[in-house]
Structure formats: structure tokens, C-alpha cells
């Protein structure tokens, strides 16, 4: 089995920490390794404080979210080694909020977004533990698509997420400030990037 990426190799070494069923599938050669991305787009609204981006009743919607009910797909595990974030906006009067309508921005142009949003921090929790936290404006996003190798923050210690662990993204908005949305509606898209192990179908 050819393991080509750093994250895939880290993931292979963590098979012993997965469920007995997945360990057996690994022994039987019934697991596939591949690069993978888990992501969620969320409209930012409200007052300062901590905003949960993932909700218990979220469902998987193609092109919008592939994390359902705060968990990754059943029969999967992912080793996260990079996190990317992008911000975007549409006019406050717009009712269409699909990706084609949102004006996504590289970090260099974040000055056109509400400063309250760009001075917020992103927190990522796995199994109720904070595994990552950083200011939104620290993400070295160089492209609008956030798919380049120079986009996002690389984790020095990759993190394993199994299908039994809950995930939460939280946005720490400065206390006492309000994202008004009077001119624009603002969106944040968070993506966990790395290697996935999945039971063969």
C-alpha cells in the first residue's frame, strides 16, 4: 500500500486507536486511504461572545457542508494537518447565499469585511477538547479558493478525528461588539484538511 502524504502515514500509525471493527477492516485490507476535506459554511450574525458554527441538527448538503450533526461520516477517520478559513459577504438585501453569489476574499483583502469579523478568533474542538485556536486574520490565505498549499495553517502535531468524536468550530467575537449586517451578510467557511481512512464500499 503506497502512502504518499504525511497525514496518511500519521493516520496509518493511529489505526490501533480506532474502533475494533475498523482495526479488523485494516487487517483485512478493507480500508482506503485518501486526501480529504471536511468543511462547513456558516453565516455570521449576532453580538460579541462565542458563536457555535456547527449545530446538532446540521445535515450534509453537497457544496455546503459535509459534517453532519457535528460528526464526520460513519466508518471514517481523518488526520487533520491543515486548517483553512475563508470569509465572504453578499449584500444584506440578497436572499441567495450559495457559493456562486458569495464574494470570497483572500486574507490580503479582508479590510473590505466588517473589522469585527476579521478580529475574531477561530476555535476547533474535538471530543470537547480545544485542539486549535487562532485569530482569523492569521490565516495565510493567498487565494480565493483556499485550495493552495500556502493557504491556511499547518498543524505541527496533526490531530486524529474518528467518527465517534464530536467536532465543534467556535468563533470568538470581541465582547461588546455586534455584527450588524446592515450593509452586508457575512459568511465564514472552515475546512479541516488531511488524510482520511474509510471502509471500502
Protein backbone atom coordinates (compact mmCIF):
# COMPACT_ATOMS: atom_id res chain seq x y z
CA UNK A 1 0.00 0.00 0.00
CA UNK A 2 1.53 3.28 -1.11
CA UNK A 3 1.14 6.05 1.47
CA UNK A 4 2.18 9.24 -0.22
CA UNK A 5 1.37 12.00 2.22
CA UNK A 6 2.49 12.95 5.72
CA UNK A 7 -1.08 12.89 7.02
CA UNK A 8 -1.77 9.43 5.56
CA UNK A 9 1.28 8.00 7.30
CA UNK A 10 0.26 9.56 10.63
CA UNK A 11 -3.21 8.10 10.13
CA UNK A 12 -1.89 4.60 9.47
CA UNK A 13 0.02 4.73 12.75
CA UNK A 14 -3.21 5.57 14.64
CA UNK A 15 -5.29 2.61 13.45
CA UNK A 16 -4.82 0.95 16.86
CA UNK A 17 -6.80 3.83 18.43
CA UNK A 18 -9.85 3.26 16.21
CA UNK A 19 -12.83 1.01 16.82
CA UNK A 20 -12.31 -2.78 16.84
CA UNK A 21 -14.33 -3.01 13.62
CA UNK A 22 -12.07 -0.54 11.81
CA UNK A 23 -8.96 -2.30 13.15
CA UNK A 24 -10.29 -5.57 11.74
CA UNK A 25 -11.07 -3.89 8.40
CA UNK A 26 -7.48 -2.61 8.33
CA UNK A 27 -6.11 -6.12 8.97
CA UNK A 28 -8.34 -7.45 6.19
CA UNK A 29 -7.18 -4.79 3.73
CA UNK A 30 -10.68 -3.32 3.61
CA UNK A 31 -9.76 0.34 4.22
CA UNK A 32 -8.90 3.04 1.72
CA UNK A 33 -6.54 5.96 2.42
CA UNK A 34 -7.07 9.25 0.59
CA UNK A 35 -6.68 13.00 0.99
CA UNK A 36 -9.85 14.54 2.37
CA UNK A 37 -11.54 17.77 3.41
CA UNK A 38 -14.34 18.31 5.95
CA UNK A 39 -15.91 21.73 5.87
CA UNK A 40 -18.79 23.96 6.90
CA UNK A 41 -20.01 27.36 5.74
CA UNK A 42 -21.87 29.49 8.29
CA UNK A 43 -23.49 32.92 8.24
CA UNK A 44 -22.02 35.10 10.98
CA UNK A 45 -24.60 37.13 12.89
CA UNK A 46 -25.20 38.48 16.35
CA UNK A 47 -23.38 40.05 19.24
CA UNK A 48 -19.95 39.54 20.74
CA UNK A 49 -19.06 36.35 22.53
CA UNK A 50 -18.66 32.73 21.46
CA UNK A 51 -20.61 31.57 18.39
CA UNK A 52 -21.03 27.86 17.63
CA UNK A 53 -20.61 27.25 13.90
CA UNK A 54 -21.71 23.60 13.93
CA UNK A 55 -25.23 22.77 15.11
CA UNK A 56 -26.67 19.49 16.39
CA UNK A 57 -29.29 19.45 13.64
CA UNK A 58 -26.93 20.23 10.74
CA UNK A 59 -27.27 17.88 7.81
CA UNK A 60 -24.91 17.14 4.95
CA UNK A 61 -25.60 19.37 1.96
CA UNK A 62 -23.48 18.98 -1.17
CA UNK A 63 -21.31 22.02 -1.78
CA UNK A 64 -22.18 23.49 1.61
CA UNK A 65 -21.35 21.15 4.49
CA UNK A 66 -20.02 17.63 4.78
CA UNK A 67 -20.04 17.48 8.56
CA UNK A 68 -23.39 16.19 9.79
CA UNK A 69 -24.60 16.54 13.39
CA UNK A 70 -21.08 17.57 14.50
CA UNK A 71 -19.53 14.31 13.29
CA UNK A 72 -17.69 13.05 10.22
CA UNK A 73 -19.06 10.21 8.11
CA UNK A 74 -19.61 6.87 9.80
CA UNK A 75 -16.89 4.33 9.05
CA UNK A 76 -14.29 7.07 8.56
CA UNK A 77 -11.44 8.69 10.45
CA UNK A 78 -9.41 11.71 9.38
CA UNK A 79 -5.99 13.01 10.37
CA UNK A 80 -6.07 16.81 10.22
CA UNK A 81 -2.80 18.50 9.33
CA UNK A 82 -4.05 21.81 7.88
CA UNK A 83 -6.95 24.16 8.65
CA UNK A 84 -8.13 26.78 6.20
CA UNK A 85 -10.63 29.60 6.63
CA UNK A 86 -12.18 31.96 4.17
CA UNK A 87 -14.55 34.88 4.67
CA UNK A 88 -17.06 36.24 2.26
CA UNK A 89 -20.03 38.55 2.00
CA UNK A 90 -23.13 39.33 -0.01
CA UNK A 91 -25.34 42.39 0.07
CA UNK A 92 -27.66 42.50 3.06
CA UNK A 93 -30.62 42.64 0.70
CA UNK A 94 -29.65 39.42 -1.09
CA UNK A 95 -31.62 36.27 -0.31
CA UNK A 96 -29.37 33.92 -2.33
CA UNK A 97 -26.42 32.71 -0.22
CA UNK A 98 -24.91 29.96 -2.35
CA UNK A 99 -21.19 29.82 -3.07
CA UNK A 100 -21.61 31.35 -6.53
CA UNK A 101 -23.10 34.51 -5.01
CA UNK A 102 -20.70 34.98 -2.08
CA UNK A 103 -17.72 37.29 -2.60
CA UNK A 104 -14.85 35.30 -1.06
CA UNK A 105 -11.67 37.16 -0.19
CA UNK A 106 -8.03 36.29 0.31
CA UNK A 107 -6.68 37.50 3.67
CA UNK A 108 -4.91 40.41 1.97
CA UNK A 109 -8.32 41.91 1.16
CA UNK A 110 -10.09 41.29 4.46
CA UNK A 111 -10.25 45.02 5.11
CA UNK A 112 -13.39 45.08 2.98
CA UNK A 113 -15.14 42.84 5.55
CA UNK A 114 -16.53 44.08 8.85
CA UNK A 115 -13.49 44.59 11.17
CA UNK A 116 -15.40 42.87 13.99
CA UNK A 117 -15.38 39.68 11.92
CA UNK A 118 -11.72 39.88 10.93
CA UNK A 119 -10.65 40.48 14.54
CA UNK A 120 -12.43 37.35 15.75
CA UNK A 121 -10.72 34.05 16.60
CA UNK A 122 -11.49 30.55 15.38
CA UNK A 123 -11.54 27.66 17.87
CA UNK A 124 -11.69 24.00 16.85
CA UNK A 125 -12.78 21.42 19.46
CA UNK A 126 -12.67 17.64 19.16
CA UNK A 127 -14.34 15.49 21.85
CA UNK A 128 -14.85 18.65 23.96
CA UNK A 129 -11.12 19.47 23.89
CA UNK A 130 -9.74 22.62 22.29
CA UNK A 131 -7.22 21.39 19.70
CA UNK A 132 -6.68 24.69 17.87
CA UNK A 133 -7.31 28.43 18.24
CA UNK A 134 -6.06 31.34 16.15
CA UNK A 135 -7.13 34.82 15.00
CA UNK A 136 -9.00 34.85 11.70
CA UNK A 137 -6.52 37.35 10.29
CA UNK A 138 -3.60 35.00 10.98
CA UNK A 139 -4.58 32.54 8.26
CA UNK A 140 -2.08 32.89 5.42
CA UNK A 141 -4.75 32.65 2.77
CA UNK A 142 -3.24 33.63 -0.56
CA UNK A 143 -6.03 32.55 -2.91
CA UNK A 144 -9.78 32.98 -3.01
CA UNK A 145 -10.34 29.25 -3.39
CA UNK A 146 -8.28 28.28 -0.28
CA UNK A 147 -7.03 25.19 -2.08
CA UNK A 148 -3.37 26.13 -2.49
CA UNK A 149 -0.59 24.62 -0.40
CA UNK A 150 0.20 28.08 1.01
CA UNK A 151 -3.32 28.61 2.30
CA UNK A 152 -4.30 28.05 5.91
CA UNK A 153 -2.36 26.98 8.99
CA UNK A 154 -0.36 23.75 9.09
CA UNK A 155 -0.60 21.89 12.40
CA UNK A 156 2.77 20.90 13.84
CA UNK A 157 1.01 17.99 15.57
CA UNK A 158 -1.71 16.51 13.30
CA UNK A 159 -4.96 15.63 15.05
CA UNK A 160 -6.96 12.41 14.68
CA UNK A 161 -10.77 12.63 14.46
CA UNK A 162 -12.83 9.44 14.42
CA UNK A 163 -16.47 9.03 13.54
CA UNK A 164 -17.39 8.69 17.22
CA UNK A 165 -15.99 12.09 18.25
CA UNK A 166 -17.93 15.34 18.16
CA UNK A 167 -16.42 18.33 16.37
CA UNK A 168 -17.15 21.98 17.08
CA UNK A 169 -16.00 25.17 15.39
CA UNK A 170 -16.44 28.29 17.53
CA UNK A 171 -15.97 31.91 16.54
CA UNK A 172 -14.80 34.19 19.36
CA UNK A 173 -16.27 37.59 18.51
CA UNK A 174 -14.93 40.57 20.54
CA UNK A 175 -17.10 41.20 23.60
CA UNK A 176 -19.42 44.17 23.47
CA UNK A 177 -19.41 44.38 19.67
CA UNK A 178 -22.20 43.49 17.26
CA UNK A 179 -22.01 42.20 13.70
CA UNK A 180 -24.78 44.38 12.36
CA UNK A 181 -25.24 43.06 8.82
CA UNK A 182 -26.89 46.33 7.81
CA UNK A 183 -24.76 46.61 4.64
CA UNK A 184 -23.59 43.03 4.08
CA UNK A 185 -24.26 39.49 5.23
CA UNK A 186 -21.02 37.77 6.27
CA UNK A 187 -20.04 34.12 5.93
CA UNK A 188 -17.18 32.02 7.25
CA UNK A 189 -16.09 28.71 5.74
CA UNK A 190 -13.87 26.45 7.86
CA UNK A 191 -12.16 23.43 6.29
CA UNK A 192 -10.28 20.60 8.04
CA UNK A 193 -7.78 19.16 5.57
CA UNK A 194 -5.73 16.00 5.76
CA UNK A 195 -5.93 12.25 5.13
CA UNK A 196 -8.95 10.03 5.51
CA UNK A 197 -9.28 6.32 6.14
CA UNK A 198 -12.58 4.83 5.00
CA UNK A 199 -14.15 1.38 4.92
CA UNK A 200 -14.37 0.22 1.30
CA UNK A 201 -17.91 0.12 -0.05
